[in-house]
Amino acid sequence: MKTTEFTNILKENPDKALFFEYQTGQYVRTDYHITEIKNVNFDTVDCGGIRNQWSEVHVQLWENEIPEPDHAVDTSKAMKIFDVVNRVRETYPESVIKFEYGNSIFPTAVLPVHQIKDTGNALIVQLIADQTTCKAKDRATTPEEKAAACCGPVSEKPKIRISLASLQAAESCEPGSGCC
């Protein structure tokens, strides 16, 4: 989902509760905070030697160690946070939006949106775990290209020869010496 799509959904659904499901049946606490909205630029070189560049928007969700029963972020408050950020610098509107979250039982991860469910009085943003990929394999168009794409063929490791003559007498164990 692109950032613009997400913010348009917030605008179209003012004052609705906003929940985040980071795993099936597991929700970010309702008293979470949106602590940062990051424009993230990637500049990578994959194992096939190809440069890749793209941008994403990461929204950091945080839970205070001490629960705050009187604190909640609804769709309007989330939109106000986006507005504050956009007054300082524009959030990339056409970039994919992801949510950064972690707690004591779930390691911090950057999670894309799977879907947003509207329950009438609330929006539930369902997040999914991202998978790693091999861009060289992703670019391949034939099974042969896919087989050869990632990191090239595995080369055989060189064999190391060790002879008893190369070991020092003090570090060797010879038959009849009583060391074994």
N, C-alpha and C. Protein backbone atom coordinates (compact mmCIF):
# COMPACT_ATOMS: atom_id res chain seq x y z
N MET A 1 0.84 -1.17 0.00
CA MET A 1 0.00 0.00 0.00
C MET A 1 0.90 1.24 0.00
N LYS A 2 0.53 2.20 -0.83
CA LYS A 2 1.29 3.44 -0.89
C LYS A 2 0.85 4.38 0.24
N THR A 3 1.74 5.30 0.58
CA THR A 3 1.47 6.25 1.66
C THR A 3 0.20 7.05 1.39
N THR A 4 0.03 7.51 0.15
CA THR A 4 -1.17 8.29 -0.20
C THR A 4 -2.44 7.47 0.02
N GLU A 5 -2.41 6.20 -0.35
CA GLU A 5 -3.58 5.35 -0.16
C GLU A 5 -3.94 5.27 1.33
N PHE A 6 -2.90 5.10 2.18
CA PHE A 6 -3.13 5.00 3.61
C PHE A 6 -3.70 6.30 4.18
N THR A 7 -3.08 7.42 3.85
CA THR A 7 -3.57 8.70 4.39
C THR A 7 -4.96 9.04 3.85
N ASN A 8 -5.27 8.66 2.62
CA ASN A 8 -6.63 8.88 2.10
C ASN A 8 -7.66 8.08 2.89
N ILE A 9 -7.30 6.87 3.28
CA ILE A 9 -8.21 6.06 4.11
C ILE A 9 -8.42 6.73 5.46
N LEU A 10 -7.34 7.27 6.03
CA LEU A 10 -7.50 8.00 7.31
C LEU A 10 -8.44 9.18 7.14
N LYS A 11 -8.25 9.96 6.07
CA LYS A 11 -9.09 11.15 5.83
C LYS A 11 -10.55 10.77 5.60
N GLU A 12 -10.80 9.66 4.91
CA GLU A 12 -12.16 9.22 4.59
C GLU A 12 -12.88 8.62 5.79
N ASN A 13 -12.14 8.36 6.86
CA ASN A 13 -12.71 7.71 8.05
C ASN A 13 -12.35 8.48 9.33
N PRO A 14 -12.78 9.74 9.42
CA PRO A 14 -12.39 10.55 10.58
C PRO A 14 -12.94 10.00 11.89
N ASP A 15 -12.13 10.18 12.94
CA ASP A 15 -12.52 9.87 14.32
C ASP A 15 -12.84 8.40 14.58
N LYS A 16 -12.34 7.51 13.73
CA LYS A 16 -12.51 6.08 14.00
C LYS A 16 -11.31 5.58 14.78
N ALA A 17 -11.56 4.59 15.64
CA ALA A 17 -10.45 3.95 16.36
C ALA A 17 -9.51 3.33 15.32
N LEU A 18 -8.23 3.33 15.61
CA LEU A 18 -7.21 2.82 14.68
C LEU A 18 -6.38 1.77 15.39
N PHE A 19 -6.55 0.52 14.97
CA PHE A 19 -5.85 -0.61 15.58
C PHE A 19 -4.89 -1.23 14.59
N PHE A 20 -3.82 -1.84 15.12
CA PHE A 20 -2.82 -2.52 14.29
C PHE A 20 -2.68 -3.96 14.75
N GLU A 21 -2.90 -4.89 13.82
CA GLU A 21 -2.75 -6.32 14.08
C GLU A 21 -1.42 -6.74 13.44
N TYR A 22 -0.42 -7.01 14.28
CA TYR A 22 0.91 -7.31 13.76
C TYR A 22 1.13 -8.78 13.45
N GLN A 23 0.33 -9.65 14.03
CA GLN A 23 0.26 -11.08 13.71
C GLN A 23 -1.19 -11.47 13.90
N THR A 24 -1.60 -12.57 13.31
CA THR A 24 -2.98 -12.98 13.42
C THR A 24 -3.40 -13.05 14.90
N GLY A 25 -4.38 -12.23 15.26
CA GLY A 25 -4.90 -12.21 16.63
C GLY A 25 -4.03 -11.46 17.63
N GLN A 26 -2.91 -10.88 17.19
CA GLN A 26 -2.01 -10.14 18.09
C GLN A 26 -2.04 -8.67 17.69
N TYR A 27 -2.41 -7.82 18.65
CA TYR A 27 -2.59 -6.40 18.36
C TYR A 27 -1.60 -5.54 19.14
N VAL A 28 -1.17 -4.45 18.51
CA VAL A 28 -0.44 -3.41 19.21
C VAL A 28 -1.39 -2.89 20.29
N ARG A 29 -0.88 -2.64 21.49
CA ARG A 29 -1.75 -2.13 22.55
C ARG A 29 -2.49 -0.90 22.08
N THR A 30 -3.68 -0.69 22.59
CA THR A 30 -4.52 0.43 22.15
C THR A 30 -3.98 1.79 22.57
N ASP A 31 -3.02 1.82 23.50
CA ASP A 31 -2.45 3.09 23.94
C ASP A 31 -1.10 3.39 23.26
N TYR A 32 -0.90 2.85 22.06
CA TYR A 32 0.35 3.05 21.33
C TYR A 32 0.51 4.53 20.95
N HIS A 33 1.74 4.87 20.58
CA HIS A 33 2.07 6.19 20.07
C HIS A 33 2.66 6.03 18.67
N ILE A 34 2.46 7.01 17.81
CA ILE A 34 3.19 7.10 16.54
C ILE A 34 4.36 8.04 16.85
N THR A 35 5.57 7.48 16.93
CA THR A 35 6.72 8.26 17.40
C THR A 35 7.56 8.83 16.27
N GLU A 36 7.53 8.24 15.10
CA GLU A 36 8.30 8.75 13.96
C GLU A 36 7.64 8.33 12.65
N ILE A 37 7.78 9.18 11.66
CA ILE A 37 7.42 8.82 10.29
C ILE A 37 8.67 9.09 9.47
N LYS A 38 9.23 8.03 8.94
CA LYS A 38 10.55 8.09 8.30
C LYS A 38 10.44 7.93 6.79
N ASN A 39 11.12 8.78 6.05
CA ASN A 39 11.36 8.55 4.63
C ASN A 39 12.64 7.74 4.56
N VAL A 40 12.58 6.55 4.00
CA VAL A 40 13.74 5.65 3.98
C VAL A 40 14.14 5.42 2.53
N ASN A 41 15.41 5.72 2.23
CA ASN A 41 15.94 5.52 0.88
C ASN A 41 16.90 4.34 0.89
N PHE A 42 16.67 3.41 -0.03
CA PHE A 42 17.53 2.24 -0.16
C PHE A 42 18.38 2.38 -1.41
N ASP A 43 19.64 2.03 -1.30
CA ASP A 43 20.59 2.03 -2.42
C ASP A 43 21.43 0.78 -2.24
N THR A 44 21.05 -0.29 -2.93
CA THR A 44 21.67 -1.59 -2.71
C THR A 44 22.29 -2.12 -3.99
N VAL A 45 23.17 -3.09 -3.82
CA VAL A 45 23.70 -3.87 -4.94
C VAL A 45 23.43 -5.32 -4.59
N ASP A 46 22.73 -6.03 -5.46
CA ASP A 46 22.39 -7.41 -5.17
C ASP A 46 23.52 -8.36 -5.58
N CYS A 47 23.33 -9.64 -5.29
CA CYS A 47 24.36 -10.64 -5.55
C CYS A 47 24.64 -10.82 -7.04
N GLY A 48 23.77 -10.32 -7.89
CA GLY A 48 24.00 -10.36 -9.34
C GLY A 48 24.76 -9.14 -9.84
N GLY A 49 25.14 -8.25 -8.91
CA GLY A 49 25.91 -7.07 -9.27
C GLY A 49 25.08 -5.92 -9.81
N ILE A 50 23.77 -5.95 -9.58
CA ILE A 50 22.87 -4.91 -10.09
C ILE A 50 22.51 -3.95 -8.95
N ARG A 51 22.60 -2.66 -9.25
CA ARG A 51 22.23 -1.64 -8.27
C ARG A 51 20.71 -1.49 -8.25
N ASN A 52 20.15 -1.38 -7.06
CA ASN A 52 18.71 -1.23 -6.86
C ASN A 52 18.49 -0.02 -5.96
N GLN A 53 17.54 0.84 -6.32
CA GLN A 53 17.22 2.00 -5.51
C GLN A 53 15.71 2.13 -5.40
N TRP A 54 15.24 2.37 -4.18
CA TRP A 54 13.82 2.61 -3.95
C TRP A 54 13.64 3.31 -2.62
N SER A 55 12.44 3.80 -2.39
CA SER A 55 12.11 4.50 -1.15
C SER A 55 10.89 3.87 -0.51
N GLU A 56 10.82 3.97 0.80
CA GLU A 56 9.68 3.51 1.57
C GLU A 56 9.39 4.56 2.65
N VAL A 57 8.21 4.49 3.23
CA VAL A 57 7.86 5.30 4.39
C VAL A 57 7.64 4.32 5.54
N HIS A 58 8.35 4.54 6.65
CA HIS A 58 8.20 3.69 7.83
C HIS A 58 7.58 4.51 8.96
N VAL A 59 6.49 4.00 9.51
CA VAL A 59 5.80 4.64 10.62
C VAL A 59 6.10 3.80 11.87
N GLN A 60 6.73 4.43 12.85
CA GLN A 60 7.12 3.72 14.06
C GLN A 60 5.98 3.76 15.08
N LEU A 61 5.59 2.57 15.54
CA LEU A 61 4.57 2.43 16.58
C LEU A 61 5.27 2.03 17.86
N TRP A 62 4.93 2.68 18.96
CA TRP A 62 5.62 2.45 20.23
C TRP A 62 4.62 2.36 21.36
N GLU A 63 4.90 1.45 22.30
CA GLU A 63 4.09 1.30 23.51
C GLU A 63 4.93 1.73 24.70
N ASN A 64 4.41 2.62 25.51
CA ASN A 64 5.07 3.03 26.74
C ASN A 64 5.14 1.82 27.67
N GLU A 65 6.21 1.72 28.45
CA GLU A 65 6.32 0.61 29.41
C GLU A 65 5.16 0.63 30.39
N ILE A 66 4.72 1.82 30.77
CA ILE A 66 3.59 1.96 31.68
C ILE A 66 2.34 2.23 30.84
N PRO A 67 1.37 1.32 30.87
CA PRO A 67 0.15 1.53 30.07
C PRO A 67 -0.50 2.87 30.36
N GLU A 68 -1.05 3.47 29.31
CA GLU A 68 -1.70 4.78 29.40
C GLU A 68 -3.17 4.63 28.99
N PRO A 69 -4.03 4.27 29.93
CA PRO A 69 -5.43 3.99 29.59
C PRO A 69 -6.19 5.17 28.98
N ASP A 70 -5.71 6.39 29.19
CA ASP A 70 -6.40 7.56 28.64
C ASP A 70 -5.80 8.03 27.31
N HIS A 71 -4.87 7.25 26.76
CA HIS A 71 -4.23 7.64 25.50
C HIS A 71 -4.69 6.70 24.39
N ALA A 72 -5.06 7.28 23.25
CA ALA A 72 -5.42 6.47 22.08
C ALA A 72 -5.16 7.31 20.83
N VAL A 73 -4.77 6.62 19.78
CA VAL A 73 -4.59 7.28 18.48
C VAL A 73 -5.73 6.81 17.59
N ASP A 74 -6.57 7.75 17.18
CA ASP A 74 -7.62 7.41 16.22
C ASP A 74 -7.18 7.90 14.84
N THR A 75 -8.04 7.73 13.86
CA THR A 75 -7.67 8.10 12.49
C THR A 75 -7.38 9.59 12.35
N SER A 76 -8.14 10.42 13.05
CA SER A 76 -7.92 11.87 12.96
C SER A 76 -6.60 12.27 13.61
N LYS A 77 -6.28 11.69 14.75
CA LYS A 77 -5.01 12.01 15.41
C LYS A 77 -3.84 11.52 14.56
N ALA A 78 -3.95 10.35 13.97
CA ALA A 78 -2.89 9.83 13.09
C ALA A 78 -2.68 10.78 11.92
N MET A 79 -3.78 11.28 11.35
CA MET A 79 -3.67 12.22 10.22
C MET A 79 -3.02 13.52 10.65
N LYS A 80 -3.31 13.98 11.86
CA LYS A 80 -2.66 15.20 12.38
C LYS A 80 -1.15 15.00 12.49
N ILE A 81 -0.73 13.80 12.90
CA ILE A 81 0.71 13.51 13.00
C ILE A 81 1.33 13.55 11.61
N PHE A 82 0.67 12.98 10.61
CA PHE A 82 1.17 13.06 9.23
C PHE A 82 1.26 14.51 8.79
N ASP A 83 0.26 15.32 9.14
CA ASP A 83 0.27 16.74 8.76
C ASP A 83 1.45 17.47 9.39
N VAL A 84 1.74 17.20 10.66
CA VAL A 84 2.89 17.82 11.34
C VAL A 84 4.18 17.45 10.61
N VAL A 85 4.33 16.19 10.30
CA VAL A 85 5.53 15.72 9.60
C VAL A 85 5.64 16.39 8.24
N ASN A 86 4.53 16.45 7.51
CA ASN A 86 4.54 17.03 6.16
C ASN A 86 4.81 18.53 6.15
N ARG A 87 4.56 19.21 7.27
CA ARG A 87 4.93 20.63 7.35
C ARG A 87 6.44 20.80 7.47
N VAL A 88 7.11 19.82 8.07
CA VAL A 88 8.57 19.87 8.21
C VAL A 88 9.24 19.39 6.92
N ARG A 89 8.76 18.29 6.40
CA ARG A 89 9.23 17.76 5.11
C ARG A 89 8.19 16.78 4.60
N GLU A 90 8.06 16.71 3.27
CA GLU A 90 7.03 15.86 2.67
C GLU A 90 7.34 14.38 2.90
N THR A 91 6.31 13.66 3.31
CA THR A 91 6.40 12.20 3.37
C THR A 91 6.22 11.70 1.95
N TYR A 92 7.05 10.75 1.53
CA TYR A 92 6.98 10.24 0.15
C TYR A 92 5.58 9.67 -0.15
N PRO A 93 4.76 10.38 -0.94
CA PRO A 93 3.37 9.95 -1.13
C PRO A 93 3.22 8.68 -1.96
N GLU A 94 4.11 8.45 -2.91
CA GLU A 94 3.96 7.30 -3.81
C GLU A 94 4.80 6.10 -3.40
N SER A 95 5.42 6.18 -2.23
CA SER A 95 6.23 5.06 -1.73
C SER A 95 5.37 4.12 -0.90
N VAL A 96 5.81 2.88 -0.82
CA VAL A 96 5.13 1.89 0.01
C VAL A 96 5.26 2.31 1.47
N ILE A 97 4.18 2.18 2.22
CA ILE A 97 4.19 2.49 3.64
C ILE A 97 4.30 1.18 4.42
N LYS A 98 5.15 1.20 5.43
CA LYS A 98 5.33 0.04 6.31
C LYS A 98 5.33 0.54 7.75
N PHE A 99 5.07 -0.37 8.67
CA PHE A 99 4.98 -0.01 10.08
C PHE A 99 6.04 -0.77 10.87
N GLU A 100 6.80 0.00 11.65
CA GLU A 100 7.86 -0.56 12.48
C GLU A 100 7.30 -0.78 13.87
N TYR A 101 7.41 -2.02 14.35
CA TYR A 101 6.84 -2.34 15.66
C TYR A 101 7.59 -3.51 16.28
N GLY A 102 7.67 -3.49 17.59
CA GLY A 102 8.20 -4.60 18.36
C GLY A 102 7.81 -4.44 19.81
N ASN A 103 7.76 -5.53 20.54
CA ASN A 103 7.49 -5.49 21.97
C ASN A 103 8.29 -6.60 22.64
N SER A 104 8.04 -6.89 23.90
CA SER A 104 8.85 -7.86 24.64
C SER A 104 8.72 -9.29 24.10
N ILE A 105 7.67 -9.58 23.36
CA ILE A 105 7.51 -10.94 22.82
C ILE A 105 7.60 -11.01 21.29
N PHE A 106 7.67 -9.87 20.66
CA PHE A 106 7.73 -9.80 19.19
C PHE A 106 8.92 -8.93 18.81
N PRO A 107 9.93 -9.50 18.13
CA PRO A 107 11.11 -8.69 17.78
C PRO A 107 10.74 -7.56 16.83
N THR A 108 11.41 -6.43 16.99
CA THR A 108 11.12 -5.28 16.15
C THR A 108 11.25 -5.66 14.68
N ALA A 109 10.23 -5.31 13.92
CA ALA A 109 10.19 -5.64 12.49
C ALA A 109 9.52 -4.49 11.75
N VAL A 110 9.80 -4.42 10.47
CA VAL A 110 9.15 -3.45 9.59
C VAL A 110 8.16 -4.25 8.75
N LEU A 111 6.88 -3.95 8.94
CA LEU A 111 5.81 -4.78 8.40
C LEU A 111 4.94 -4.02 7.39
N PRO A 112 4.76 -4.58 6.20
CA PRO A 112 3.86 -3.95 5.23
C PRO A 112 2.39 -4.21 5.58
N VAL A 113 1.52 -3.42 4.97
CA VAL A 113 0.08 -3.57 5.18
C VAL A 113 -0.43 -4.71 4.29
N HIS A 114 -1.15 -5.63 4.92
CA HIS A 114 -1.81 -6.70 4.16
C HIS A 114 -3.17 -6.21 3.69
N GLN A 115 -3.94 -5.66 4.63
CA GLN A 115 -5.24 -5.07 4.30
C GLN A 115 -5.72 -4.24 5.47
N ILE A 116 -6.72 -3.43 5.21
CA ILE A 116 -7.34 -2.63 6.27
C ILE A 116 -8.81 -3.01 6.33
N LYS A 117 -9.23 -3.45 7.50
CA LYS A 117 -10.63 -3.83 7.72
C LYS A 117 -11.37 -2.68 8.39
N ASP A 118 -12.53 -2.37 7.88
CA ASP A 118 -13.40 -1.34 8.46
C ASP A 118 -14.51 -2.07 9.21
N THR A 119 -14.56 -1.90 10.54
CA THR A 119 -15.58 -2.56 11.35
C THR A 119 -16.78 -1.66 11.62
N GLY A 120 -16.79 -0.49 11.00
CA GLY A 120 -17.86 0.46 11.23
C GLY A 120 -17.41 1.60 12.12
N ASN A 121 -16.91 1.27 13.32
CA ASN A 121 -16.43 2.32 14.22
C ASN A 121 -14.91 2.28 14.39
N ALA A 122 -14.24 1.37 13.68
CA ALA A 122 -12.78 1.25 13.81
C ALA A 122 -12.18 0.74 12.50
N LEU A 123 -10.91 1.09 12.30
CA LEU A 123 -10.13 0.51 11.22
C LEU A 123 -9.08 -0.40 11.85
N ILE A 124 -8.96 -1.60 11.31
CA ILE A 124 -7.93 -2.53 11.76
C ILE A 124 -6.93 -2.68 10.63
N VAL A 125 -5.71 -2.20 10.86
CA VAL A 125 -4.64 -2.31 9.87
C VAL A 125 -3.96 -3.65 10.12
N GLN A 126 -4.17 -4.57 9.19
CA GLN A 126 -3.55 -5.89 9.32
C GLN A 126 -2.19 -5.86 8.62
N LEU A 127 -1.15 -6.16 9.41
CA LEU A 127 0.20 -6.15 8.89
C LEU A 127 0.64 -7.59 8.62
N ILE A 128 1.61 -7.75 7.75
CA ILE A 128 2.14 -9.09 7.45
C ILE A 128 3.65 -9.04 7.51
N ALA A 129 4.24 -10.17 7.78
CA ALA A 129 5.70 -10.26 7.79
C ALA A 129 6.22 -10.23 6.35
N ASP A 130 7.26 -9.47 6.14
CA ASP A 130 7.94 -9.43 4.84
C ASP A 130 8.83 -10.66 4.71
N GLN A 131 9.05 -11.09 3.50
CA GLN A 131 9.97 -12.18 3.22
C GLN A 131 11.21 -11.61 2.53
N THR A 132 12.36 -12.20 2.81
CA THR A 132 13.54 -11.80 2.06
C THR A 132 13.43 -12.43 0.67
N THR A 133 14.18 -11.88 -0.25
CA THR A 133 14.15 -12.40 -1.61
C THR A 133 15.53 -12.24 -2.24
N CYS A 134 15.72 -12.87 -3.36
CA CYS A 134 16.94 -12.72 -4.14
C CYS A 134 16.53 -11.99 -5.42
N LYS A 135 16.94 -10.74 -5.54
CA LYS A 135 16.53 -9.95 -6.70
C LYS A 135 17.06 -10.55 -8.01
N ALA A 136 18.23 -11.17 -7.97
CA ALA A 136 18.78 -11.79 -9.18
C ALA A 136 17.85 -12.92 -9.64
N LYS A 137 17.37 -13.73 -8.71
CA LYS A 137 16.40 -14.79 -9.08
C LYS A 137 15.08 -14.18 -9.53
N ASP A 138 14.65 -13.10 -8.86
CA ASP A 138 13.38 -12.45 -9.22
C ASP A 138 13.42 -11.91 -10.65
N ARG A 139 14.60 -11.45 -11.10
CA ARG A 139 14.73 -10.91 -12.46
C ARG A 139 14.79 -12.01 -13.52
N ALA A 140 15.18 -13.21 -13.11
CA ALA A 140 15.36 -14.31 -14.07
C ALA A 140 14.03 -14.67 -14.73
N THR A 141 14.11 -15.03 -16.00
CA THR A 141 12.88 -15.34 -16.75
C THR A 141 12.76 -16.82 -17.10
N THR A 142 13.82 -17.58 -16.94
CA THR A 142 13.76 -19.02 -17.26
C THR A 142 14.25 -19.81 -16.04
N PRO A 143 13.88 -21.09 -15.97
CA PRO A 143 14.37 -21.92 -14.86
C PRO A 143 15.90 -21.99 -14.81
N GLU A 144 16.54 -21.99 -15.98
CA GLU A 144 18.00 -22.04 -16.02
C GLU A 144 18.61 -20.76 -15.45
N GLU A 145 18.00 -19.60 -15.81
CA GLU A 145 18.49 -18.33 -15.27
C GLU A 145 18.30 -18.29 -13.75
N LYS A 146 17.15 -18.79 -13.29
CA LYS A 146 16.90 -18.80 -11.84
C LYS A 146 17.93 -19.67 -11.12
N ALA A 147 18.25 -20.83 -11.70
CA ALA A 147 19.20 -21.74 -11.07
C ALA A 147 20.60 -21.12 -10.97
N ALA A 148 20.98 -20.32 -11.94
CA ALA A 148 22.33 -19.75 -11.97
C ALA A 148 22.39 -18.35 -11.37
N ALA A 149 21.24 -17.76 -11.07
CA ALA A 149 21.19 -16.34 -10.72
C ALA A 149 21.81 -15.98 -9.38
N CYS A 150 21.48 -16.69 -8.36
CA CYS A 150 21.85 -16.25 -7.01
C CYS A 150 23.26 -16.67 -6.65
N CYS A 151 24.14 -15.69 -6.60
CA CYS A 151 25.51 -15.87 -6.13
C CYS A 151 26.36 -16.79 -7.01
N GLY A 152 25.86 -17.19 -8.15
CA GLY A 152 26.65 -18.02 -9.06
C GLY A 152 26.85 -19.43 -8.52
N PRO A 153 27.55 -20.28 -9.28
CA PRO A 153 27.76 -21.66 -8.86
C PRO A 153 28.70 -21.73 -7.65
N VAL A 154 28.49 -22.73 -6.81
CA VAL A 154 29.32 -22.93 -5.64
C VAL A 154 30.63 -23.58 -6.09
N SER A 155 31.75 -22.97 -5.72
CA SER A 155 33.04 -23.55 -6.09
C SER A 155 33.49 -24.52 -5.02
N GLU A 156 34.28 -25.49 -5.43
CA GLU A 156 34.77 -26.50 -4.50
C GLU A 156 35.85 -25.87 -3.62
N LYS A 157 35.82 -26.19 -2.32
CA LYS A 157 36.82 -25.67 -1.40
C LYS A 157 38.15 -26.38 -1.65
N PRO A 158 39.27 -25.64 -1.54
CA PRO A 158 40.55 -26.30 -1.73
C PRO A 158 40.84 -27.26 -0.57
N LYS A 159 41.48 -28.38 -0.91
CA LYS A 159 41.82 -29.37 0.10
C LYS A 159 43.15 -29.00 0.72
N ILE A 160 43.26 -29.18 2.03
CA ILE A 160 44.49 -28.88 2.75
C ILE A 160 45.17 -30.20 3.08
N ARG A 161 46.46 -30.30 2.74
CA ARG A 161 47.23 -31.52 3.05
C ARG A 161 48.09 -31.26 4.28
N ILE A 162 48.02 -32.20 5.20
CA ILE A 162 48.84 -32.12 6.40
C ILE A 162 49.67 -33.40 6.48
N SER A 163 50.94 -33.25 6.73
CA SER A 163 51.80 -34.42 6.90
C SER A 163 52.37 -34.42 8.31
N LEU A 164 52.67 -35.59 8.81
CA LEU A 164 53.25 -35.69 10.14
C LEU A 164 54.57 -34.94 10.22
N ALA A 165 55.31 -34.91 9.11
CA ALA A 165 56.62 -34.24 9.09
C ALA A 165 56.47 -32.74 9.32
N SER A 166 55.31 -32.18 8.98
CA SER A 166 55.13 -30.74 9.12
C SER A 166 54.75 -30.33 10.54
N LEU A 167 54.42 -31.31 11.39
CA LEU A 167 54.05 -31.01 12.77
C LEU A 167 55.30 -31.03 13.64
N GLN A 168 55.35 -30.18 14.63
CA GLN A 168 56.48 -30.20 15.55
C GLN A 168 56.35 -31.40 16.47
N ALA A 169 57.46 -31.93 16.88
CA ALA A 169 57.49 -33.14 17.72
C ALA A 169 56.69 -32.98 18.99
N ALA A 170 56.75 -31.83 19.62
CA ALA A 170 56.06 -31.60 20.90
C ALA A 170 54.55 -31.57 20.73
N GLU A 171 54.09 -31.26 19.54
CA GLU A 171 52.65 -31.18 19.33
C GLU A 171 52.08 -32.42 18.65
N SER A 172 52.92 -33.43 18.39
CA SER A 172 52.43 -34.60 17.68
C SER A 172 52.34 -35.79 18.63
N CYS A 173 51.60 -36.76 18.21
CA CYS A 173 51.42 -37.96 18.96
C CYS A 173 51.83 -39.12 18.04
N GLU A 174 52.96 -39.72 18.30
CA GLU A 174 53.46 -40.79 17.43
C GLU A 174 53.18 -42.15 18.07
N PRO A 175 53.03 -43.16 17.22
CA PRO A 175 52.79 -44.51 17.77
C PRO A 175 53.90 -44.89 18.75
N GLY A 176 53.51 -45.46 19.88
CA GLY A 176 54.46 -45.92 20.87
C GLY A 176 54.99 -44.83 21.79
N SER A 177 54.53 -43.57 21.63
CA SER A 177 55.05 -42.49 22.48
C SER A 177 54.31 -42.37 23.80
N GLY A 178 53.18 -43.06 23.93
CA GLY A 178 52.42 -43.02 25.17
C GLY A 178 51.51 -41.83 25.33
N CYS A 179 51.36 -41.03 24.31
CA CYS A 179 50.51 -39.84 24.43
C CYS A 179 49.04 -40.17 24.30
N CYS A 180 48.65 -41.30 23.73
CA CYS A 180 47.24 -41.61 23.58
C CYS A 180 46.86 -42.86 24.35
